[in-house]
Amino acid sequence: ILSLPINGSYVETTKPTFTWEQVPGTSNYNIQVALSPSFSSTAIKKTVTSTTYNTTIYLRSGKTYYWRVRANGTNGPSKWSDVWSFITP
């Protein structure tokens, strides 16, 4: 379950922090951030071990971005989460 940035929200920075709920038995998570809900071209595509990702790049100003996460564990990857969007300042 995604937590922040809240779906449809305006963020205060072009380097937002992403958070989501922990999935038991997970070894890591994939996060994707893109300008398109199809994720055909991603701005961010990372594998992380925690339920927080601090953006290391500046996203483009005044744009709507879409993000999603999936958990990876011993049984393979989960389905992708719901897709949420946010707007950069």
C-alpha atoms as a PDB file:
ATOM      1  CA  ILE A   1       0.000   0.000   0.000  1.00  0.00           C
ATOM      2  CA  LEU A   2       1.459   3.333  -1.073  1.00  0.00           C
ATOM      3  CA  SER A   3       1.713   6.144   1.490  1.00  0.00           C
ATOM      4  CA  LEU A   4       3.551   9.239   0.190  1.00  0.00           C
ATOM      5  CA  PRO A   5       3.346  11.251  -1.961  1.00  0.00           C
ATOM      6  CA  ILE A   6      -0.418  11.066  -1.646  1.00  0.00           C
ATOM      7  CA  ASN A   7      -2.264  10.250  -4.862  1.00  0.00           C
ATOM      8  CA  GLY A   8      -3.013  13.392  -6.869  1.00  0.00           C
ATOM      9  CA  SER A   9      -1.090  15.670  -4.504  1.00  0.00           C
ATOM     10  CA  TYR A  10       1.205  18.600  -5.181  1.00  0.00           C
ATOM     11  CA  VAL A  11       4.647  17.984  -3.694  1.00  0.00           C
ATOM     12  CA  GLU A  12       6.849  20.773  -2.346  1.00  0.00           C
ATOM     13  CA  THR A  13      10.093  19.627  -3.953  1.00  0.00           C
ATOM     14  CA  THR A  14      11.386  18.120  -7.177  1.00  0.00           C
ATOM     15  CA  LYS A  15      13.212  15.522  -5.026  1.00  0.00           C
ATOM     16  CA  PRO A  16      10.282  13.897  -3.167  1.00  0.00           C
ATOM     17  CA  THR A  17      10.537  11.027  -0.702  1.00  0.00           C
ATOM     18  CA  PHE A  18       8.435   7.939  -1.446  1.00  0.00           C
ATOM     19  CA  THR A  19       7.043   5.684   1.283  1.00  0.00           C
ATOM     20  CA  TRP A  20       4.867   2.570   1.337  1.00  0.00           C
ATOM     21  CA  GLU A  21       3.797  -0.156   3.738  1.00  0.00           C
ATOM     22  CA  GLN A  22       6.047  -3.095   4.510  1.00  0.00           C
ATOM     23  CA  VAL A  23       5.181  -6.500   3.055  1.00  0.00           C
ATOM     24  CA  PRO A  24       6.132  -9.411   5.367  1.00  0.00           C
ATOM     25  CA  GLY A  25       8.748 -11.798   3.959  1.00  0.00           C
ATOM     26  CA  THR A  26      10.053  -9.285   1.439  1.00  0.00           C
ATOM     27  CA  SER A  27      13.759  -9.009   0.648  1.00  0.00           C
ATOM     28  CA  ASN A  28      13.497  -5.791  -1.392  1.00  0.00           C
ATOM     29  CA  TYR A  29      11.191  -3.545  -3.398  1.00  0.00           C
ATOM     30  CA  ASN A  30      11.163  -2.163  -6.929  1.00  0.00           C
ATOM     31  CA  ILE A  31      10.014   1.434  -7.324  1.00  0.00           C
ATOM     32  CA  GLN A  32       9.250   3.083 -10.648  1.00  0.00           C
ATOM     33  CA  VAL A  33       8.478   6.743 -11.317  1.00  0.00           C
ATOM     34  CA  ALA A  34       7.479   7.962 -14.780  1.00  0.00           C
ATOM     35  CA  LEU A  35       5.768  10.769 -16.690  1.00  0.00           C
ATOM     36  CA  SER A  36       3.336   8.254 -18.190  1.00  0.00           C
ATOM     37  CA  PRO A  37       1.020   5.834 -16.348  1.00  0.00           C
ATOM     38  CA  SER A  38       2.173   3.142 -18.802  1.00  0.00           C
ATOM     39  CA  PHE A  39       5.755   3.421 -17.418  1.00  0.00           C
ATOM     40  CA  SER A  40       7.080   3.091 -20.978  1.00  0.00           C
ATOM     41  CA  SER A  41       9.984   5.368 -20.024  1.00  0.00           C
ATOM     42  CA  THR A  42      10.936   5.703 -16.368  1.00  0.00           C
ATOM     43  CA  ALA A  43      12.537   8.677 -14.619  1.00  0.00           C
ATOM     44  CA  ILE A  44      13.353   6.477 -11.632  1.00  0.00           C
ATOM     45  CA  LYS A  45      13.747   2.697 -11.595  1.00  0.00           C
ATOM     46  CA  LYS A  46      15.372   1.415  -8.397  1.00  0.00           C
ATOM     47  CA  THR A  47      15.546  -1.627  -6.153  1.00  0.00           C
ATOM     48  CA  VAL A  48      15.616  -0.758  -2.444  1.00  0.00           C
ATOM     49  CA  THR A  49      15.569  -2.744   0.795  1.00  0.00           C
ATOM     50  CA  SER A  50      13.494  -0.329   2.897  1.00  0.00           C
ATOM     51  CA  THR A  51       9.964   1.055   2.553  1.00  0.00           C
ATOM     52  CA  THR A  52      11.316   4.542   1.869  1.00  0.00           C
ATOM     53  CA  TYR A  53      13.080   5.902  -1.182  1.00  0.00           C
ATOM     54  CA  ASN A  54      14.722   9.341  -1.141  1.00  0.00           C
ATOM     55  CA  THR A  55      15.001  10.667  -4.677  1.00  0.00           C
ATOM     56  CA  THR A  56      18.593  11.274  -5.734  1.00  0.00           C
ATOM     57  CA  ILE A  57      17.748  13.201  -8.922  1.00  0.00           C
ATOM     58  CA  TYR A  58      15.687  16.300  -9.546  1.00  0.00           C
ATOM     59  CA  LEU A  59      12.414  15.601 -11.322  1.00  0.00           C
ATOM     60  CA  ARG A  60      11.093  18.086 -13.878  1.00  0.00           C
ATOM     61  CA  SER A  61       9.099  21.038 -12.521  1.00  0.00           C
ATOM     62  CA  GLY A  62       5.381  21.428 -13.169  1.00  0.00           C
ATOM     63  CA  LYS A  63       4.867  17.845 -14.309  1.00  0.00           C
ATOM     64  CA  THR A  64       2.541  15.031 -13.312  1.00  0.00           C
ATOM     65  CA  TYR A  65       4.478  11.917 -12.351  1.00  0.00           C
ATOM     66  CA  TYR A  66       3.190   8.405 -11.745  1.00  0.00           C
ATOM     67  CA  TRP A  67       4.678   5.902  -9.319  1.00  0.00           C
ATOM     68  CA  ARG A  68       4.291   2.297  -8.248  1.00  0.00           C
ATOM     69  CA  VAL A  69       6.058  -0.323  -6.123  1.00  0.00           C
ATOM     70  CA  ARG A  70       6.279  -4.101  -6.013  1.00  0.00           C
ATOM     71  CA  ALA A  71       7.707  -6.432  -3.391  1.00  0.00           C
ATOM     72  CA  ASN A  72      10.298  -9.124  -4.086  1.00  0.00           C
ATOM     73  CA  GLY A  73      10.524 -12.214  -1.888  1.00  0.00           C
ATOM     74  CA  THR A  74      11.249 -15.922  -1.928  1.00  0.00           C
ATOM     75  CA  ASN A  75       8.189 -16.571  -4.105  1.00  0.00           C
ATOM     76  CA  GLY A  76       9.248 -13.995  -6.712  1.00  0.00           C
ATOM     77  CA  PRO A  77       7.934 -10.494  -7.329  1.00  0.00           C
ATOM     78  CA  SER A  78       4.436  -9.415  -6.331  1.00  0.00           C
ATOM     79  CA  LYS A  79       2.068  -7.653  -8.685  1.00  0.00           C
ATOM     80  CA  TRP A  80       2.682  -3.932  -9.006  1.00  0.00           C
ATOM     81  CA  SER A  81       0.862  -1.713  -6.540  1.00  0.00           C
ATOM     82  CA  ASP A  82      -1.845   0.671  -7.640  1.00  0.00           C
ATOM     83  CA  VAL A  83      -0.473   3.576  -9.668  1.00  0.00           C
ATOM     84  CA  TRP A  84      -0.483   6.915  -7.880  1.00  0.00           C
ATOM     85  CA  SER A  85       0.306  10.325  -9.295  1.00  0.00           C
ATOM     86  CA  PHE A  86       1.723  13.576  -7.951  1.00  0.00           C
ATOM     87  CA  ILE A  87       2.569  16.988  -9.370  1.00  0.00           C
ATOM     88  CA  THR A  88       5.946  18.679  -8.971  1.00  0.00           C
ATOM     89  CA  PRO A  89       6.246  22.399  -8.154  1.00  0.00           C
END
